[in-house]
N, C-alpha and C. Protein backbone atom coordinates (compact mmCIF):
# COMPACT_ATOMS: atom_id res chain seq x y z
N MET A 1 -4.63 8.45 6.69
CA MET A 1 -4.29 9.73 7.32
C MET A 1 -2.89 9.60 7.95
N PHE A 2 -2.49 8.48 8.50
CA PHE A 2 -1.22 8.35 9.13
C PHE A 2 -0.15 8.77 8.12
N ALA A 3 -0.22 8.22 6.90
CA ALA A 3 0.87 8.56 5.86
C ALA A 3 0.93 10.07 5.52
N ARG A 4 -0.14 10.82 5.74
CA ARG A 4 -0.21 12.25 5.54
C ARG A 4 0.68 12.98 6.50
N TRP A 5 0.75 12.64 7.62
CA TRP A 5 1.41 13.38 8.68
C TRP A 5 2.70 12.86 9.24
N ILE A 6 2.93 11.64 9.07
CA ILE A 6 4.09 10.98 9.72
C ILE A 6 5.48 11.49 9.09
N GLY A 7 6.41 11.78 9.83
CA GLY A 7 7.80 12.09 9.43
C GLY A 7 8.04 13.48 8.98
N PRO A 8 9.24 13.74 8.65
CA PRO A 8 9.71 15.08 8.30
C PRO A 8 9.05 15.69 7.05
N ASP A 9 9.00 16.96 6.90
CA ASP A 9 8.59 17.64 5.66
C ASP A 9 9.34 17.14 4.51
N GLY A 10 8.77 17.07 3.37
CA GLY A 10 9.43 16.72 2.12
C GLY A 10 9.58 15.20 1.90
N MET A 11 9.03 14.40 2.81
CA MET A 11 8.99 12.92 2.59
C MET A 11 7.62 12.46 2.26
N THR A 12 7.53 11.37 1.47
CA THR A 12 6.32 10.77 1.28
C THR A 12 6.25 9.39 1.91
N THR A 13 5.11 8.90 2.35
CA THR A 13 5.08 7.68 3.15
C THR A 13 4.01 6.71 2.39
N ARG A 14 4.34 5.47 2.32
CA ARG A 14 3.32 4.51 1.89
C ARG A 14 3.19 3.44 2.94
N ILE A 15 2.01 3.02 3.22
CA ILE A 15 1.66 2.08 4.18
C ILE A 15 1.76 0.69 3.55
N ASP A 16 2.62 -0.29 3.97
CA ASP A 16 2.71 -1.55 3.37
C ASP A 16 1.55 -2.45 4.03
N HIS A 17 1.52 -2.39 5.41
CA HIS A 17 0.33 -2.93 6.02
C HIS A 17 0.11 -2.27 7.36
N TRP A 18 -1.12 -2.41 7.90
CA TRP A 18 -1.49 -1.65 9.06
C TRP A 18 -2.72 -2.43 9.75
N ASP A 19 -2.38 -3.14 10.79
CA ASP A 19 -3.38 -3.85 11.52
C ASP A 19 -3.46 -3.38 12.96
N ALA A 20 -4.13 -2.20 13.16
CA ALA A 20 -4.08 -1.52 14.39
C ALA A 20 -5.04 -2.14 15.38
N SER A 21 -4.67 -3.39 15.76
CA SER A 21 -5.47 -4.14 16.75
C SER A 21 -4.45 -4.92 17.65
N THR A 22 -4.87 -5.19 18.83
CA THR A 22 -4.01 -5.84 19.84
C THR A 22 -3.56 -7.14 19.14
N GLY A 23 -2.17 -7.32 19.06
CA GLY A 23 -1.52 -8.42 18.44
C GLY A 23 -1.26 -8.20 16.94
N GLY A 24 -1.74 -7.07 16.41
CA GLY A 24 -1.49 -6.78 14.99
C GLY A 24 -0.09 -6.17 14.75
N SER A 25 0.17 -5.87 13.55
CA SER A 25 1.51 -5.36 13.16
C SER A 25 1.34 -4.25 12.10
N TRP A 26 2.42 -3.57 11.87
CA TRP A 26 2.41 -2.50 10.81
C TRP A 26 3.77 -2.37 10.16
N ARG A 27 3.79 -1.88 8.98
CA ARG A 27 5.05 -1.50 8.37
C ARG A 27 4.78 -0.33 7.37
N TYR A 28 5.65 0.61 7.31
CA TYR A 28 5.55 1.68 6.38
C TYR A 28 6.91 2.04 5.87
N VAL A 29 6.95 2.71 4.67
CA VAL A 29 8.20 3.13 4.05
C VAL A 29 8.10 4.60 3.71
N SER A 30 9.02 5.38 4.19
CA SER A 30 9.12 6.84 3.79
C SER A 30 10.23 6.96 2.82
N GLU A 31 10.02 7.94 1.97
CA GLU A 31 10.93 8.10 0.83
C GLU A 31 11.19 9.62 0.56
N ARG A 32 12.41 9.82 0.16
CA ARG A 32 12.78 11.24 -0.23
C ARG A 32 14.01 11.10 -1.24
N ASP A 33 13.82 11.73 -2.35
CA ASP A 33 14.91 11.75 -3.36
C ASP A 33 15.43 10.41 -3.69
N GLY A 34 14.42 9.45 -3.78
CA GLY A 34 14.79 8.15 -4.24
C GLY A 34 15.34 7.18 -3.15
N THR A 35 15.56 7.73 -1.92
CA THR A 35 16.01 6.94 -0.75
C THR A 35 14.79 6.52 0.13
N GLU A 36 14.73 5.21 0.41
CA GLU A 36 13.64 4.79 1.15
C GLU A 36 14.18 4.38 2.60
N TYR A 37 13.22 4.66 3.61
CA TYR A 37 13.50 4.29 4.98
C TYR A 37 12.26 3.49 5.42
N ALA A 38 12.50 2.31 5.85
CA ALA A 38 11.43 1.34 6.26
C ALA A 38 11.29 1.24 7.77
N PHE A 39 10.15 1.21 8.29
CA PHE A 39 9.88 1.11 9.76
C PHE A 39 8.79 0.04 9.98
N ARG A 40 8.83 -0.68 11.01
CA ARG A 40 7.92 -1.81 11.30
C ARG A 40 7.73 -1.88 12.83
N GLY A 41 6.63 -2.57 13.21
CA GLY A 41 6.43 -2.80 14.65
C GLY A 41 5.22 -3.72 14.87
N CYS A 42 4.87 -3.93 16.15
CA CYS A 42 3.75 -4.73 16.56
C CYS A 42 2.91 -3.96 17.53
N PHE A 43 1.64 -4.10 17.37
CA PHE A 43 0.79 -3.53 18.37
C PHE A 43 0.55 -4.44 19.58
N HIS A 44 0.95 -4.10 20.75
CA HIS A 44 0.79 -4.92 21.90
C HIS A 44 -0.55 -4.73 22.55
N ASP A 45 -0.98 -3.52 22.67
CA ASP A 45 -2.26 -3.19 23.36
C ASP A 45 -2.88 -1.95 22.61
N VAL A 46 -4.14 -2.11 22.14
CA VAL A 46 -4.81 -1.07 21.47
C VAL A 46 -6.14 -0.76 22.13
N ARG A 47 -6.29 0.37 22.71
CA ARG A 47 -7.51 0.71 23.37
C ARG A 47 -7.85 2.11 22.99
N PRO A 48 -9.10 2.60 23.27
CA PRO A 48 -9.44 3.93 22.83
C PRO A 48 -8.56 5.02 23.51
N ASP A 49 -8.01 4.80 24.70
CA ASP A 49 -7.23 5.85 25.32
C ASP A 49 -5.68 5.60 25.37
N ARG A 50 -5.31 4.39 24.80
CA ARG A 50 -3.83 4.08 24.88
C ARG A 50 -3.48 3.10 23.78
N ILE A 51 -2.26 3.23 23.25
CA ILE A 51 -1.74 2.26 22.26
C ILE A 51 -0.30 1.93 22.70
N VAL A 52 0.04 0.68 22.84
CA VAL A 52 1.43 0.23 23.19
C VAL A 52 1.86 -0.48 21.99
N GLN A 53 3.02 -0.09 21.41
CA GLN A 53 3.57 -0.77 20.29
C GLN A 53 5.08 -0.78 20.25
N THR A 54 5.63 -1.56 19.41
CA THR A 54 7.12 -1.52 19.18
C THR A 54 7.31 -0.67 17.98
N PHE A 55 8.54 -0.18 17.84
CA PHE A 55 8.95 0.63 16.69
C PHE A 55 10.41 0.32 16.33
N THR A 56 10.61 -0.11 15.09
CA THR A 56 11.94 -0.49 14.57
C THR A 56 12.20 0.23 13.33
N PHE A 57 13.35 0.88 13.20
CA PHE A 57 13.87 1.32 11.96
C PHE A 57 14.60 0.16 11.30
N GLU A 58 14.20 -0.26 10.12
CA GLU A 58 14.73 -1.48 9.48
C GLU A 58 16.27 -1.29 9.19
N GLY A 59 16.76 -0.02 9.07
CA GLY A 59 18.19 0.18 8.87
C GLY A 59 19.00 -0.10 10.06
N GLU A 60 18.34 -0.20 11.26
CA GLU A 60 19.04 -0.52 12.53
C GLU A 60 18.11 -1.55 13.21
N PRO A 61 18.04 -2.80 12.73
CA PRO A 61 17.05 -3.77 13.27
C PRO A 61 17.23 -4.12 14.76
N ASP A 62 18.32 -3.86 15.27
CA ASP A 62 18.51 -4.16 16.77
C ASP A 62 18.03 -3.01 17.63
N GLY A 63 17.60 -1.83 17.07
CA GLY A 63 17.21 -0.71 17.89
C GLY A 63 15.72 -0.71 17.99
N VAL A 64 15.13 -1.44 18.87
CA VAL A 64 13.64 -1.48 19.05
C VAL A 64 13.24 -0.69 20.21
N ALA A 65 12.30 0.11 19.96
CA ALA A 65 11.65 0.95 21.04
C ALA A 65 10.26 0.41 21.41
N LEU A 66 9.97 0.48 22.67
CA LEU A 66 8.61 0.21 23.07
C LEU A 66 7.95 1.54 23.31
N THR A 67 6.86 1.88 22.64
CA THR A 67 6.26 3.11 22.59
C THR A 67 4.88 3.07 23.13
N THR A 68 4.54 4.00 24.00
CA THR A 68 3.11 4.12 24.57
C THR A 68 2.62 5.44 24.14
N LEU A 69 1.39 5.44 23.54
CA LEU A 69 0.70 6.68 23.20
C LEU A 69 -0.54 6.77 24.13
N TRP A 70 -0.70 7.91 24.75
CA TRP A 70 -1.95 8.13 25.49
C TRP A 70 -2.78 9.12 24.82
N ILE A 71 -4.10 8.90 24.68
CA ILE A 71 -4.93 9.91 24.15
C ILE A 71 -5.81 10.40 25.24
N ASP A 72 -5.64 11.62 25.57
CA ASP A 72 -6.48 12.22 26.74
C ASP A 72 -7.56 13.02 26.17
N ASP A 73 -8.81 12.66 26.57
CA ASP A 73 -9.97 13.38 26.15
C ASP A 73 -9.99 14.71 26.94
N LEU A 74 -9.91 15.82 26.25
CA LEU A 74 -9.98 17.16 26.92
C LEU A 74 -11.36 17.82 26.86
N GLY A 75 -12.31 17.05 26.30
CA GLY A 75 -13.78 17.55 26.26
C GLY A 75 -13.88 18.43 24.99
N ASP A 76 -15.07 18.82 24.66
CA ASP A 76 -15.37 19.76 23.50
C ASP A 76 -14.75 19.20 22.23
N GLY A 77 -14.66 17.89 22.09
CA GLY A 77 -14.14 17.31 20.74
C GLY A 77 -12.59 17.46 20.69
N ARG A 78 -11.95 17.81 21.76
CA ARG A 78 -10.53 18.01 21.69
C ARG A 78 -9.82 16.83 22.44
N ALA A 79 -8.60 16.54 22.02
CA ALA A 79 -7.79 15.50 22.63
C ALA A 79 -6.39 15.85 22.63
N ARG A 80 -5.57 15.32 23.61
CA ARG A 80 -4.11 15.48 23.68
C ARG A 80 -3.47 14.19 23.38
N LEU A 81 -2.46 14.15 22.57
CA LEU A 81 -1.66 12.90 22.43
C LEU A 81 -0.37 13.08 23.07
N ARG A 82 -0.10 12.13 23.98
CA ARG A 82 1.27 12.08 24.77
C ARG A 82 1.87 10.75 24.34
N THR A 83 3.17 10.77 24.20
CA THR A 83 3.85 9.54 23.85
C THR A 83 5.21 9.44 24.63
N GLN A 84 5.60 8.18 24.85
CA GLN A 84 6.80 7.84 25.51
C GLN A 84 7.47 6.65 24.87
N SER A 85 8.76 6.75 24.49
CA SER A 85 9.44 5.65 23.86
C SER A 85 10.59 5.23 24.69
N LEU A 86 10.71 3.91 24.93
CA LEU A 86 11.73 3.37 25.76
C LEU A 86 12.60 2.55 24.90
N LEU A 87 13.97 2.83 24.98
CA LEU A 87 14.97 2.02 24.33
C LEU A 87 15.76 1.30 25.32
N ASP A 88 16.60 0.36 24.82
CA ASP A 88 17.29 -0.51 25.78
C ASP A 88 18.57 0.17 26.31
N SER A 89 19.00 1.31 25.81
CA SER A 89 20.18 2.02 26.41
C SER A 89 20.14 3.42 26.04
N PHE A 90 20.90 4.24 26.80
CA PHE A 90 21.11 5.65 26.56
C PHE A 90 21.78 5.80 25.22
N GLU A 91 22.76 4.95 24.89
CA GLU A 91 23.44 5.04 23.64
C GLU A 91 22.46 4.86 22.46
N GLY A 92 21.57 3.92 22.58
CA GLY A 92 20.49 3.78 21.51
C GLY A 92 19.64 4.98 21.36
N ARG A 93 19.21 5.59 22.48
CA ARG A 93 18.40 6.84 22.50
C ARG A 93 19.19 7.94 21.87
N ASP A 94 20.42 8.09 22.26
CA ASP A 94 21.19 9.27 21.67
C ASP A 94 21.42 9.07 20.23
N GLY A 95 21.64 7.72 19.76
CA GLY A 95 21.85 7.50 18.33
C GLY A 95 20.56 7.88 17.45
N TRP A 96 19.37 7.53 18.10
CA TRP A 96 18.17 7.91 17.38
C TRP A 96 17.93 9.46 17.34
N LEU A 97 18.34 10.15 18.36
CA LEU A 97 18.30 11.62 18.31
C LEU A 97 19.20 12.16 17.34
N ARG A 98 20.44 11.71 17.24
CA ARG A 98 21.41 12.16 16.27
C ARG A 98 20.94 11.84 14.85
N SER A 99 20.16 10.85 14.65
CA SER A 99 19.70 10.50 13.32
C SER A 99 18.78 11.45 12.61
N GLY A 100 18.21 12.42 13.33
CA GLY A 100 17.28 13.29 12.86
C GLY A 100 15.90 12.95 13.18
N MET A 101 15.70 11.91 13.99
CA MET A 101 14.37 11.42 14.34
C MET A 101 13.56 12.50 15.03
N ARG A 102 14.21 13.31 15.83
CA ARG A 102 13.55 14.31 16.55
C ARG A 102 12.92 15.35 15.66
N THR A 103 13.66 15.74 14.59
CA THR A 103 13.13 16.65 13.62
C THR A 103 11.87 16.05 12.87
N GLY A 104 11.94 14.75 12.52
CA GLY A 104 10.82 14.13 11.90
C GLY A 104 9.61 14.05 12.85
N LEU A 105 9.79 13.77 14.14
CA LEU A 105 8.68 13.80 15.05
C LEU A 105 8.14 15.16 15.19
N ASP A 106 8.99 16.22 15.40
CA ASP A 106 8.48 17.52 15.57
C ASP A 106 7.64 18.02 14.39
N GLN A 107 8.20 17.79 13.13
CA GLN A 107 7.45 18.24 11.99
C GLN A 107 6.23 17.35 11.72
N GLY A 108 6.28 16.11 12.03
CA GLY A 108 5.16 15.20 11.85
C GLY A 108 4.01 15.59 12.80
N TYR A 109 4.31 15.89 14.09
CA TYR A 109 3.27 16.33 14.97
C TYR A 109 2.66 17.72 14.58
N THR A 110 3.52 18.57 14.05
CA THR A 110 3.02 19.87 13.55
C THR A 110 2.07 19.66 12.43
N LYS A 111 2.42 18.71 11.48
CA LYS A 111 1.42 18.41 10.40
C LYS A 111 0.18 17.85 10.95
N LEU A 112 0.24 16.93 11.91
CA LEU A 112 -0.97 16.32 12.50
C LEU A 112 -1.90 17.47 13.10
N GLU A 113 -1.17 18.28 13.83
CA GLU A 113 -2.04 19.34 14.46
C GLU A 113 -2.71 20.21 13.40
N ARG A 114 -1.95 20.55 12.32
CA ARG A 114 -2.63 21.33 11.24
C ARG A 114 -3.75 20.57 10.63
N MET A 115 -3.58 19.28 10.40
CA MET A 115 -4.69 18.34 9.85
C MET A 115 -5.92 18.40 10.73
N THR A 116 -5.76 18.27 11.93
CA THR A 116 -6.84 18.19 12.88
C THR A 116 -7.54 19.62 13.07
N THR A 117 -6.80 20.60 13.01
CA THR A 117 -7.28 21.86 13.11
C THR A 117 -7.99 22.31 11.88
N ASP A 118 -7.42 22.07 10.65
CA ASP A 118 -8.03 22.37 9.37
C ASP A 118 -9.31 21.59 9.24
N ASP A 119 -9.40 20.32 9.71
CA ASP A 119 -10.55 19.53 9.58
C ASP A 119 -11.68 20.03 10.45
N LEU A 120 -11.40 20.78 11.52
CA LEU A 120 -12.37 21.38 12.42
C LEU A 120 -12.99 22.65 11.83
N VAL A 121 -12.23 23.31 11.06
CA VAL A 121 -12.62 24.69 10.45
C VAL A 121 -13.68 24.51 9.34
């Protein structure tokens, strides 16, 4: 399911490996028009209400983010996903924003919302 919603519209994603457990790791590759973009990271803490992981774009291996995702139970089978990514500098953050990552996040979360809404109907 992750590969179906992650990233900007028009890209396809393949999961190379995914061990979503504390101490596990992950890697996926997104592709558009023959160009591949690889990402990897480690899961530091995986719980039902929170995931802490690293995130690295392999094209910039020194740019590592520490990302926390919180899953808030809203009742009635609904949940809210909140996320925070910490980088080592404002320059690194600004570079990621200039790269188009924000567009990919916005479009990806829109796809995730559609998937979860469609699955409920």
